[in-house]
C-alpha cells in the first residue's frame, strides 16, 4: 500500500539552508551596498565640495554633526560591552579614546580627542564652543537619526553592531576630498580647524580593516551576513538623513527649495 505525501511533508520540498557567501563575495556585497548609498553623494556634500555653501551653511552642518560625533564613543562603548574577548575589547576601546581623548601619563592631562578637534572646527567657522558642546541647537531630525544609530547598536548582536560601523570603508577618501575642498573654497577656516579630518584619514582606514576582518570571521551564516549588510545600509540611511535635515534651510541643487529662515537658521 502506498501513501501520497503532501508537498509540505516531502523532505525534498523542505526549505534548504542557504550557504554562506564566500569571504570575497561577502566583502564585495558590503562594499557595493555601502558605496551606492554613502552620503558623499548627497547634494549637500556635493555642494560643499564644489564650494557652493555659505559660511552659515558650513556652521549649521558642523553644529549638527557634532551631535553625531558624540554618539560615536557611546556606540563604541556598547560594542565593547558586548564582547567576552579581552583582545577585542583592548583593540576596540581605542576608538573611544580617539573621540573622547585619553588620560595622559605622568602629568595627568588628557590627550586631545576628536570631539575637541570638532569643537575647534566649530570655532573656525564662527561658532562659540558652548553652542557646539551644549547641543542645544541640534535639529530634532538629526537627534532622532543619531539616537537611532545608538539604538541599532544596542539592540544588535556584536558582529552586526560592528558591521554597522563599516561606513568607515569610505571615510578616508571622503575626508581627503573634504580637506582639499575646504582649503580651496573656504580659506576663512584656519588650518587647525581641519585637524579632525586629517586625523581620521589614517584612523578610519585602520578601523575599517579591523572591523571587516572581525565581521568576516564571525558572520558565518547567510542570515548573519545579510543582517550585517542590513545594518550597514541602516547606517548609511542615518548619515543621509542627517544631511537631509541640515540641508533643509540651504538652496542645494537637487533638493526642493528650502523654507525662508533668515539669520535665525543656526539657532532654531
Protein backbone atom coordinates (compact mmCIF):
# COMPACT_ATOMS: atom_id res chain seq x y z
CA UNK A 1 0.00 0.00 0.00
CA UNK A 2 1.37 3.37 -0.98
CA UNK A 3 0.53 6.70 0.55
CA UNK A 4 0.79 10.10 -1.07
CA UNK A 5 2.70 12.86 0.61
CA UNK A 6 1.69 16.48 0.56
CA UNK A 7 4.37 18.95 -0.58
CA UNK A 8 4.86 20.08 3.00
CA UNK A 9 5.61 16.55 4.13
CA UNK A 10 8.12 15.77 1.41
CA UNK A 11 11.69 16.27 2.61
CA UNK A 12 12.67 17.17 -0.93
CA UNK A 13 10.45 20.24 -0.69
CA UNK A 14 11.73 21.47 2.67
CA UNK A 15 13.44 24.83 2.76
CA UNK A 16 17.09 24.37 2.09
CA UNK A 17 19.71 26.09 4.19
CA UNK A 18 21.36 28.70 2.03
CA UNK A 19 25.14 28.51 2.00
CA UNK A 20 27.08 31.42 3.39
CA UNK A 21 28.73 33.75 0.93
CA UNK A 22 32.43 33.33 0.44
CA UNK A 23 34.50 35.99 2.23
CA UNK A 24 35.25 37.64 -1.11
CA UNK A 25 31.59 37.76 -2.15
CA UNK A 26 30.53 38.97 1.29
CA UNK A 27 33.02 41.86 1.25
CA UNK A 28 32.01 42.77 -2.28
CA UNK A 29 28.36 42.88 -1.21
CA UNK A 30 29.17 45.12 1.74
CA UNK A 31 31.29 47.44 -0.38
CA UNK A 32 28.72 47.67 -3.16
CA UNK A 33 25.81 48.38 -0.86
CA UNK A 34 27.81 50.93 1.12
CA UNK A 35 29.29 52.70 -1.90
CA UNK A 36 25.97 53.17 -3.66
CA UNK A 37 24.33 54.61 -0.53
CA UNK A 38 27.17 56.54 1.12
CA UNK A 39 26.46 60.16 1.96
CA UNK A 40 29.31 61.52 -0.14
CA UNK A 41 26.74 61.55 -2.96
CA UNK A 42 24.23 63.64 -1.01
CA UNK A 43 23.56 67.02 -2.71
CA UNK A 44 24.70 68.86 0.42
CA UNK A 45 28.09 67.16 0.36
CA UNK A 46 28.39 67.72 -3.38
CA UNK A 47 27.66 71.41 -2.87
CA UNK A 48 30.18 71.53 -0.01
CA UNK A 49 32.95 70.10 -2.14
CA UNK A 50 32.11 72.42 -5.03
CA UNK A 51 32.43 75.48 -2.80
CA UNK A 52 28.72 76.33 -3.11
CA UNK A 53 27.94 76.58 0.61
CA UNK A 54 27.93 79.74 2.69
CA UNK A 55 29.69 80.16 5.98
CA UNK A 56 26.32 79.79 7.74
CA UNK A 57 25.68 76.54 5.85
CA UNK A 58 29.01 75.12 7.00
CA UNK A 59 28.38 76.26 10.56
CA UNK A 60 24.96 74.62 10.63
CA UNK A 61 26.47 71.35 9.41
CA UNK A 62 29.31 71.49 11.96
CA UNK A 63 26.89 72.32 14.76
CA UNK A 64 24.55 69.43 14.00
CA UNK A 65 27.18 66.92 13.02
CA UNK A 66 28.80 67.37 16.44
CA UNK A 67 25.84 65.53 17.96
CA UNK A 68 26.61 62.55 15.72
CA UNK A 69 30.24 62.75 16.82
CA UNK A 70 29.15 62.49 20.47
CA UNK A 71 27.20 59.31 19.71
CA UNK A 72 30.25 57.51 18.28
CA UNK A 73 32.05 56.79 21.58
CA UNK A 74 28.72 55.80 23.13
CA UNK A 75 28.02 53.21 20.43
CA UNK A 76 31.63 52.01 20.70
CA UNK A 77 31.21 51.56 24.46
CA UNK A 78 28.15 49.43 23.75
CA UNK A 79 30.17 47.31 21.33
CA UNK A 80 32.95 46.85 23.88
CA UNK A 81 30.40 45.76 26.48
CA UNK A 82 29.03 43.07 24.16
CA UNK A 83 32.35 41.25 23.81
CA UNK A 84 33.73 38.50 26.06
CA UNK A 85 37.10 38.70 24.30
CA UNK A 86 39.73 40.78 26.11
CA UNK A 87 41.82 41.18 22.97
CA UNK A 88 38.84 42.55 21.06
CA UNK A 89 37.98 44.95 23.89
CA UNK A 90 41.56 46.22 24.09
CA UNK A 91 41.52 46.93 20.37
CA UNK A 92 38.06 48.46 20.14
CA UNK A 93 38.35 50.71 23.19
CA UNK A 94 40.94 52.71 21.30
CA UNK A 95 38.06 54.12 19.25
CA UNK A 96 36.55 55.63 22.37
CA UNK A 97 39.86 57.27 23.20
CA UNK A 98 40.12 58.55 19.63
CA UNK A 99 36.97 60.61 20.17
CA UNK A 100 36.87 61.30 23.91
CA UNK A 101 40.61 61.67 24.37
CA UNK A 102 42.77 59.60 26.68
CA UNK A 103 44.20 60.32 30.10
CA UNK A 104 47.83 61.35 29.76
CA UNK A 105 50.60 59.69 31.72
CA UNK A 106 52.55 61.48 34.40
CA UNK A 107 51.09 64.98 34.23
CA UNK A 108 47.51 63.72 34.41
CA UNK A 109 46.44 65.79 31.42
CA UNK A 110 44.10 64.25 28.87
CA UNK A 111 45.32 63.75 25.32
CA UNK A 112 43.14 65.56 22.81
CA UNK A 113 40.37 63.57 21.15
CA UNK A 114 38.23 64.02 18.08
CA UNK A 115 35.44 65.79 19.94
CA UNK A 116 37.81 68.57 20.99
CA UNK A 117 39.04 68.83 17.43
CA UNK A 118 35.46 69.13 16.23
CA UNK A 119 34.82 71.98 18.66
CA UNK A 120 37.86 73.71 17.18
CA UNK A 121 36.32 73.23 13.72
CA UNK A 122 33.17 74.88 15.03
CA UNK A 123 35.14 77.85 16.27
CA UNK A 124 36.89 78.07 12.90
CA UNK A 125 33.52 78.55 11.17
CA UNK A 126 32.39 81.17 13.69
CA UNK A 127 30.58 79.17 16.37
CA UNK A 128 31.05 79.59 20.11
CA UNK A 129 32.39 76.44 21.76
CA UNK A 130 29.48 76.29 24.18
CA UNK A 131 26.94 76.46 21.36
CA UNK A 132 28.58 73.38 19.87
CA UNK A 133 29.11 71.29 23.00
CA UNK A 134 25.73 72.03 24.59
CA UNK A 135 23.93 70.51 21.57
CA UNK A 136 21.01 72.83 22.39
CA UNK A 137 20.65 73.91 18.77
CA UNK A 138 20.73 70.41 17.26
CA UNK A 139 17.83 69.82 14.88
CA UNK A 140 15.26 67.28 16.12
CA UNK A 141 15.64 65.16 13.00
CA UNK A 142 19.39 64.97 13.48
CA UNK A 143 18.98 63.96 17.10
CA UNK A 144 16.41 61.32 16.12
CA UNK A 145 18.64 59.80 13.44
CA UNK A 146 21.76 59.70 15.61
CA UNK A 147 19.93 58.25 18.60
CA UNK A 148 18.51 55.66 16.25
CA UNK A 149 22.03 54.58 15.34
CA UNK A 150 22.87 54.07 19.01
CA UNK A 151 19.69 52.02 19.41
CA UNK A 152 20.62 49.88 16.43
CA UNK A 153 23.97 49.05 18.02
CA UNK A 154 22.42 48.45 21.44
CA UNK A 155 19.84 46.02 20.07
CA UNK A 156 22.11 44.11 17.67
CA UNK A 157 24.46 41.21 18.18
CA UNK A 158 28.16 42.01 18.42
CA UNK A 159 29.01 41.15 14.83
CA UNK A 160 26.03 43.07 13.43
CA UNK A 161 26.85 46.08 15.60
CA UNK A 162 30.43 46.03 14.30
CA UNK A 163 29.16 45.75 10.72
CA UNK A 164 27.15 48.93 11.16
CA UNK A 165 30.45 50.80 11.50
CA UNK A 166 31.69 49.74 8.07
CA UNK A 167 30.87 53.10 6.53
CA UNK A 168 34.49 53.63 7.61
CA UNK A 169 35.37 51.83 4.37
CA UNK A 170 34.57 55.02 2.51
CA UNK A 171 35.59 57.68 5.04
CA UNK A 172 39.30 58.08 4.11
CA UNK A 173 38.55 59.12 0.53
CA UNK A 174 35.75 61.44 1.65
CA UNK A 175 37.96 63.06 4.28
CA UNK A 176 40.76 63.61 1.78
CA UNK A 177 38.39 65.26 -0.69
CA UNK A 178 36.86 67.34 2.08
CA UNK A 179 40.23 68.67 3.21
CA UNK A 180 41.14 69.68 -0.34
CA UNK A 181 37.74 71.31 -0.90
CA UNK A 182 37.78 73.29 2.32
CA UNK A 183 41.33 74.52 1.75
CA UNK A 184 40.39 75.65 -1.74
CA UNK A 185 36.90 77.06 -1.27
CA UNK A 186 36.70 78.12 2.37
CA UNK A 187 40.01 79.87 3.15
CA UNK A 188 38.50 81.59 6.19
CA UNK A 189 38.74 78.23 8.02
CA UNK A 190 42.10 78.10 9.78
CA UNK A 191 44.29 75.06 9.15
CA UNK A 192 43.92 73.87 12.77
CA UNK A 193 40.17 73.65 12.22
CA UNK A 194 40.73 70.76 9.82
CA UNK A 195 42.71 68.63 12.26
CA UNK A 196 39.82 66.20 12.79
CA UNK A 197 39.58 65.42 9.09
CA UNK A 198 43.33 64.92 8.77
CA UNK A 199 43.43 62.57 11.73
CA UNK A 200 40.51 60.49 10.51
CA UNK A 201 42.13 59.56 7.20
CA UNK A 202 44.60 57.01 8.68
CA UNK A 203 42.37 56.09 11.63
CA UNK A 204 39.32 55.29 9.52
CA UNK A 205 41.47 53.15 7.24
CA UNK A 206 42.84 51.25 10.24
CA UNK A 207 39.43 50.93 11.90
CA UNK A 208 37.71 49.66 8.77
CA UNK A 209 40.36 46.99 8.24
CA UNK A 210 39.94 45.76 11.81
CA UNK A 211 36.15 45.81 11.58
CA UNK A 212 35.87 43.97 8.28
CA UNK A 213 38.28 41.27 9.47
CA UNK A 214 36.10 40.73 12.55
CA UNK A 215 32.88 40.65 10.55
CA UNK A 216 34.25 38.15 8.03
CA UNK A 217 35.44 35.84 10.81
CA UNK A 218 32.21 35.98 12.80
CA UNK A 219 29.40 36.26 10.24
CA UNK A 220 29.38 32.56 9.41
CA UNK A 221 25.85 32.02 8.12
CA UNK A 222 23.94 33.61 5.28
CA UNK A 223 21.37 35.03 7.67
CA UNK A 224 24.00 36.73 9.79
CA UNK A 225 25.77 38.05 6.71
CA UNK A 226 22.52 39.56 5.47
CA UNK A 227 21.91 41.11 8.88
CA UNK A 228 25.35 42.70 8.66
CA UNK A 229 24.58 44.14 5.24
CA UNK A 230 21.26 45.47 6.52
CA UNK A 231 23.00 47.16 9.46
CA UNK A 232 25.44 48.87 7.11
CA UNK A 233 22.55 50.06 4.95
CA UNK A 234 20.77 51.40 8.04
CA UNK A 235 23.91 53.32 8.99
CA UNK A 236 24.10 54.94 5.55
CA UNK A 237 20.46 55.96 5.97
CA UNK A 238 21.31 57.64 9.28
CA UNK A 239 24.10 59.66 7.67
CA UNK A 240 21.91 60.58 4.69
CA UNK A 241 19.01 61.66 6.91
CA UNK A 242 21.33 63.86 8.94
CA UNK A 243 22.28 65.73 5.77
CA UNK A 244 18.64 65.97 4.68
CA UNK A 245 17.91 67.79 7.94
CA UNK A 246 20.92 70.08 7.73
CA UNK A 247 20.29 70.87 4.05
CA UNK A 248 16.68 71.91 4.57
CA UNK A 249 17.46 75.65 5.02
CA UNK A 250 20.02 75.57 2.17
CA UNK A 251 19.32 76.04 -1.52
CA UNK A 252 21.17 72.96 -2.77
CA UNK A 253 20.84 71.74 -6.39
CA UNK A 254 18.87 68.51 -6.49
CA UNK A 255 16.77 69.30 -3.42
CA UNK A 256 13.42 71.15 -3.20
CA UNK A 257 13.62 74.90 -2.46
CA UNK A 258 14.11 75.46 1.28
CA UNK A 259 11.87 77.50 3.56
CA UNK A 260 12.96 81.03 4.33
CA UNK A 261 14.68 81.00 7.70
CA UNK A 262 16.83 84.10 7.55
CA UNK A 263 19.59 84.72 10.03
CA UNK A 264 17.94 82.63 12.75
CA UNK A 265 18.68 79.36 10.94
CA UNK A 266 21.60 78.50 13.21
CA UNK A 267 19.69 78.96 16.44
CA UNK A 268 16.35 77.30 15.74
